[in-house]
Amino acid sequence: MEQGAKTLLIILITALLLGTLVVAFNPAYRQAFFALLRDEPAKSPIWRSNRDYYTDITLPATQAADKSATQETSHDAE
């Protein structure tokens, strides 16, 4: 059992190190990391490219905001 825990810990540490290297050397991931630190994830290039590529998938909060904007617009038109 101890051998499995040690192996899992090595895998976890390796994954953390590789993730850190990706963020450090890839400019898009670095900008995404800093956007998350500024609490502005929608401004990261990764977020924007995913939003543009996966147009059919939206967050529930985004759908609610879109519906309320549509309702306000239709209410204003009346």
N, C-alpha and C. Protein backbone atom coordinates (compact mmCIF):
# COMPACT_ATOMS: atom_id res chain seq x y z
N MET A 1 0.82 -1.20 0.00
CA MET A 1 0.00 0.00 0.00
C MET A 1 0.87 1.27 0.00
N GLU A 2 1.96 1.23 0.74
CA GLU A 2 2.85 2.40 0.79
C GLU A 2 3.50 2.64 -0.57
N GLN A 3 3.76 1.59 -1.30
CA GLN A 3 4.38 1.72 -2.63
C GLN A 3 3.44 2.46 -3.58
N GLY A 4 2.15 2.16 -3.52
CA GLY A 4 1.17 2.84 -4.38
C GLY A 4 1.06 4.32 -4.04
N ALA A 5 1.09 4.66 -2.77
CA ALA A 5 1.01 6.06 -2.35
C ALA A 5 2.25 6.82 -2.80
N LYS A 6 3.40 6.18 -2.72
CA LYS A 6 4.65 6.82 -3.16
C LYS A 6 4.62 7.06 -4.67
N THR A 7 4.15 6.09 -5.42
CA THR A 7 4.06 6.22 -6.87
C THR A 7 3.09 7.33 -7.25
N LEU A 8 1.96 7.38 -6.58
CA LEU A 8 0.97 8.42 -6.84
C LEU A 8 1.53 9.80 -6.53
N LEU A 9 2.29 9.93 -5.46
CA LEU A 9 2.91 11.20 -5.10
C LEU A 9 3.93 11.63 -6.16
N ILE A 10 4.70 10.68 -6.67
CA ILE A 10 5.68 11.00 -7.72
C ILE A 10 4.97 11.47 -8.98
N ILE A 11 3.87 10.80 -9.35
CA ILE A 11 3.10 11.20 -10.53
C ILE A 11 2.53 12.61 -10.33
N LEU A 12 2.00 12.88 -9.16
CA LEU A 12 1.43 14.20 -8.87
C LEU A 12 2.49 15.30 -8.93
N ILE A 13 3.62 15.08 -8.34
CA ILE A 13 4.70 16.08 -8.36
C ILE A 13 5.20 16.30 -9.79
N THR A 14 5.32 15.22 -10.56
CA THR A 14 5.76 15.34 -11.96
C THR A 14 4.75 16.15 -12.76
N ALA A 15 3.45 15.90 -12.56
CA ALA A 15 2.42 16.64 -13.27
C ALA A 15 2.45 18.12 -12.89
N LEU A 16 2.67 18.43 -11.63
CA LEU A 16 2.76 19.82 -11.20
C LEU A 16 3.96 20.52 -11.82
N LEU A 17 5.08 19.83 -11.88
CA LEU A 17 6.28 20.41 -12.49
C LEU A 17 6.09 20.64 -14.00
N LEU A 18 5.50 19.67 -14.68
CA LEU A 18 5.25 19.84 -16.12
C LEU A 18 4.25 20.97 -16.37
N GLY A 19 3.22 21.07 -15.54
CA GLY A 19 2.26 22.16 -15.68
C GLY A 19 2.90 23.51 -15.45
N THR A 20 3.79 23.59 -14.48
CA THR A 20 4.51 24.83 -14.21
C THR A 20 5.40 25.21 -15.40
N LEU A 21 6.05 24.22 -16.00
CA LEU A 21 6.89 24.49 -17.17
C LEU A 21 6.06 24.97 -18.36
N VAL A 22 4.90 24.37 -18.56
CA VAL A 22 4.02 24.80 -19.66
C VAL A 22 3.60 26.25 -19.46
N VAL A 23 3.19 26.59 -18.25
CA VAL A 23 2.77 27.97 -17.96
C VAL A 23 3.95 28.93 -18.11
N ALA A 24 5.13 28.50 -17.71
CA ALA A 24 6.30 29.38 -17.76
C ALA A 24 6.76 29.64 -19.19
N PHE A 25 6.68 28.64 -20.07
CA PHE A 25 7.26 28.79 -21.39
C PHE A 25 6.26 29.05 -22.52
N ASN A 26 4.98 28.80 -22.30
CA ASN A 26 3.98 29.03 -23.35
C ASN A 26 3.29 30.37 -23.10
N PRO A 27 3.43 31.34 -24.00
CA PRO A 27 2.88 32.68 -23.74
C PRO A 27 1.36 32.70 -23.56
N ALA A 28 0.63 31.87 -24.30
CA ALA A 28 -0.83 31.87 -24.16
C ALA A 28 -1.24 31.37 -22.79
N TYR A 29 -0.61 30.31 -22.31
CA TYR A 29 -0.94 29.79 -20.99
C TYR A 29 -0.47 30.75 -19.89
N ARG A 30 0.65 31.43 -20.13
CA ARG A 30 1.13 32.41 -19.16
C ARG A 30 0.14 33.56 -19.04
N GLN A 31 -0.38 34.04 -20.18
CA GLN A 31 -1.38 35.12 -20.14
C GLN A 31 -2.66 34.64 -19.47
N ALA A 32 -3.04 33.39 -19.71
CA ALA A 32 -4.23 32.84 -19.06
C ALA A 32 -4.03 32.77 -17.54
N PHE A 33 -2.84 32.38 -17.12
CA PHE A 33 -2.54 32.31 -15.69
C PHE A 33 -2.65 33.69 -15.04
N PHE A 34 -2.07 34.70 -15.69
CA PHE A 34 -2.14 36.04 -15.12
C PHE A 34 -3.56 36.60 -15.17
N ALA A 35 -4.34 36.23 -16.17
CA ALA A 35 -5.74 36.66 -16.23
C ALA A 35 -6.52 36.05 -15.07
N LEU A 36 -6.22 34.80 -14.73
CA LEU A 36 -6.88 34.18 -13.57
C LEU A 36 -6.47 34.87 -12.28
N LEU A 37 -5.21 35.26 -12.16
CA LEU A 37 -4.76 35.96 -10.96
C LEU A 37 -5.45 37.33 -10.82
N ARG A 38 -5.70 38.00 -11.95
CA ARG A 38 -6.39 39.30 -11.93
C ARG A 38 -7.89 39.14 -11.80
N ASP A 39 -8.37 37.90 -11.75
CA ASP A 39 -9.80 37.58 -11.67
C ASP A 39 -10.54 38.06 -12.91
N GLU A 40 -9.89 37.94 -14.06
CA GLU A 40 -10.48 38.29 -15.35
C GLU A 40 -10.25 37.15 -16.34
N PRO A 41 -10.79 35.96 -16.07
CA PRO A 41 -10.49 34.82 -16.94
C PRO A 41 -10.99 34.99 -18.37
N ALA A 42 -12.02 35.79 -18.58
CA ALA A 42 -12.57 35.98 -19.93
C ALA A 42 -11.62 36.75 -20.84
N LYS A 43 -10.60 37.38 -20.27
CA LYS A 43 -9.64 38.13 -21.08
C LYS A 43 -8.45 37.29 -21.52
N SER A 44 -8.41 36.03 -21.11
CA SER A 44 -7.26 35.19 -21.49
C SER A 44 -7.44 34.69 -22.92
N PRO A 45 -6.33 34.54 -23.65
CA PRO A 45 -6.43 34.08 -25.04
C PRO A 45 -6.98 32.65 -25.16
N ILE A 46 -6.70 31.82 -24.19
CA ILE A 46 -7.21 30.44 -24.22
C ILE A 46 -8.73 30.46 -24.08
N TRP A 47 -9.24 31.26 -23.15
CA TRP A 47 -10.68 31.38 -22.93
C TRP A 47 -11.37 31.88 -24.20
N ARG A 48 -10.80 32.92 -24.81
CA ARG A 48 -11.40 33.48 -26.03
C ARG A 48 -11.40 32.48 -27.17
N SER A 49 -10.30 31.76 -27.35
CA SER A 49 -10.25 30.80 -28.45
C SER A 49 -11.23 29.65 -28.22
N ASN A 50 -11.37 29.20 -26.98
CA ASN A 50 -12.35 28.16 -26.68
C ASN A 50 -13.78 28.67 -26.90
N ARG A 51 -14.05 29.90 -26.50
CA ARG A 51 -15.39 30.48 -26.68
C ARG A 51 -15.72 30.60 -28.16
N ASP A 52 -14.74 30.98 -28.97
CA ASP A 52 -14.97 31.10 -30.41
C ASP A 52 -15.12 29.74 -31.09
N TYR A 53 -14.39 28.75 -30.61
CA TYR A 53 -14.41 27.43 -31.24
C TYR A 53 -15.65 26.63 -30.83
N TYR A 54 -16.00 26.69 -29.55
CA TYR A 54 -17.14 25.93 -29.04
C TYR A 54 -18.33 26.87 -28.86
N THR A 55 -18.91 27.30 -29.95
CA THR A 55 -20.00 28.29 -29.89
C THR A 55 -21.29 27.74 -29.31
N ASP A 56 -21.51 26.43 -29.38
CA ASP A 56 -22.75 25.85 -28.87
C ASP A 56 -22.73 25.64 -27.36
N ILE A 57 -21.57 25.73 -26.76
CA ILE A 57 -21.45 25.48 -25.32
C ILE A 57 -21.30 26.80 -24.60
N THR A 58 -22.22 27.09 -23.68
CA THR A 58 -22.15 28.30 -22.88
C THR A 58 -22.39 27.96 -21.42
N LEU A 59 -21.97 28.83 -20.55
CA LEU A 59 -22.22 28.65 -19.13
C LEU A 59 -23.64 29.08 -18.80
N PRO A 60 -24.26 28.49 -17.78
CA PRO A 60 -25.62 28.88 -17.42
C PRO A 60 -25.74 30.37 -17.09
N ALA A 61 -24.74 30.95 -16.46
CA ALA A 61 -24.79 32.37 -16.13
C ALA A 61 -24.80 33.21 -17.40
N THR A 62 -24.07 32.78 -18.42
CA THR A 62 -24.04 33.49 -19.69
C THR A 62 -25.40 33.42 -20.36
N GLN A 63 -26.05 32.25 -20.30
CA GLN A 63 -27.37 32.10 -20.90
C GLN A 63 -28.38 32.98 -20.19
N ALA A 64 -28.31 33.04 -18.86
CA ALA A 64 -29.24 33.88 -18.11
C ALA A 64 -29.03 35.35 -18.44
N ALA A 65 -27.78 35.76 -18.58
CA ALA A 65 -27.49 37.16 -18.92
C ALA A 65 -28.00 37.47 -20.32
N ASP A 66 -27.84 36.53 -21.25
CA ASP A 66 -28.33 36.74 -22.61
C ASP A 66 -29.85 36.86 -22.64
N LYS A 67 -30.54 36.02 -21.85
CA LYS A 67 -32.00 36.05 -21.81
C LYS A 67 -32.50 37.36 -21.19
N SER A 68 -31.85 37.80 -20.12
CA SER A 68 -32.29 39.04 -19.48
C SER A 68 -32.04 40.23 -20.40
N ALA A 69 -30.95 40.21 -21.14
CA ALA A 69 -30.68 41.29 -22.09
C ALA A 69 -31.72 41.29 -23.20
N THR A 70 -32.13 40.10 -23.64
CA THR A 70 -33.15 39.99 -24.68
C THR A 70 -34.48 40.48 -24.15
N GLN A 71 -34.81 40.13 -22.90
CA GLN A 71 -36.08 40.57 -22.32
C GLN A 71 -36.11 42.08 -22.15
N GLU A 72 -34.98 42.65 -21.73
CA GLU A 72 -34.92 44.10 -21.57
C GLU A 72 -35.09 44.79 -22.92
N THR A 73 -34.47 44.25 -23.94
CA THR A 73 -34.57 44.82 -25.27
C THR A 73 -36.00 44.73 -25.78
N SER A 74 -36.66 43.58 -25.58
CA SER A 74 -38.04 43.44 -26.06
C SER A 74 -38.97 44.31 -25.23
N HIS A 75 -38.69 44.48 -23.95
CA HIS A 75 -39.51 45.34 -23.12
C HIS A 75 -39.37 46.80 -23.53
N ASP A 76 -38.14 47.20 -23.86
CA ASP A 76 -37.91 48.56 -24.31
C ASP A 76 -38.61 48.85 -25.64
N ALA A 77 -38.73 47.82 -26.47
CA ALA A 77 -39.36 47.99 -27.77
C ALA A 77 -40.85 48.22 -27.64
N GLU A 78 -41.46 47.70 -26.59
CA GLU A 78 -42.90 47.86 -26.38
C GLU A 78 -43.17 49.26 -25.95
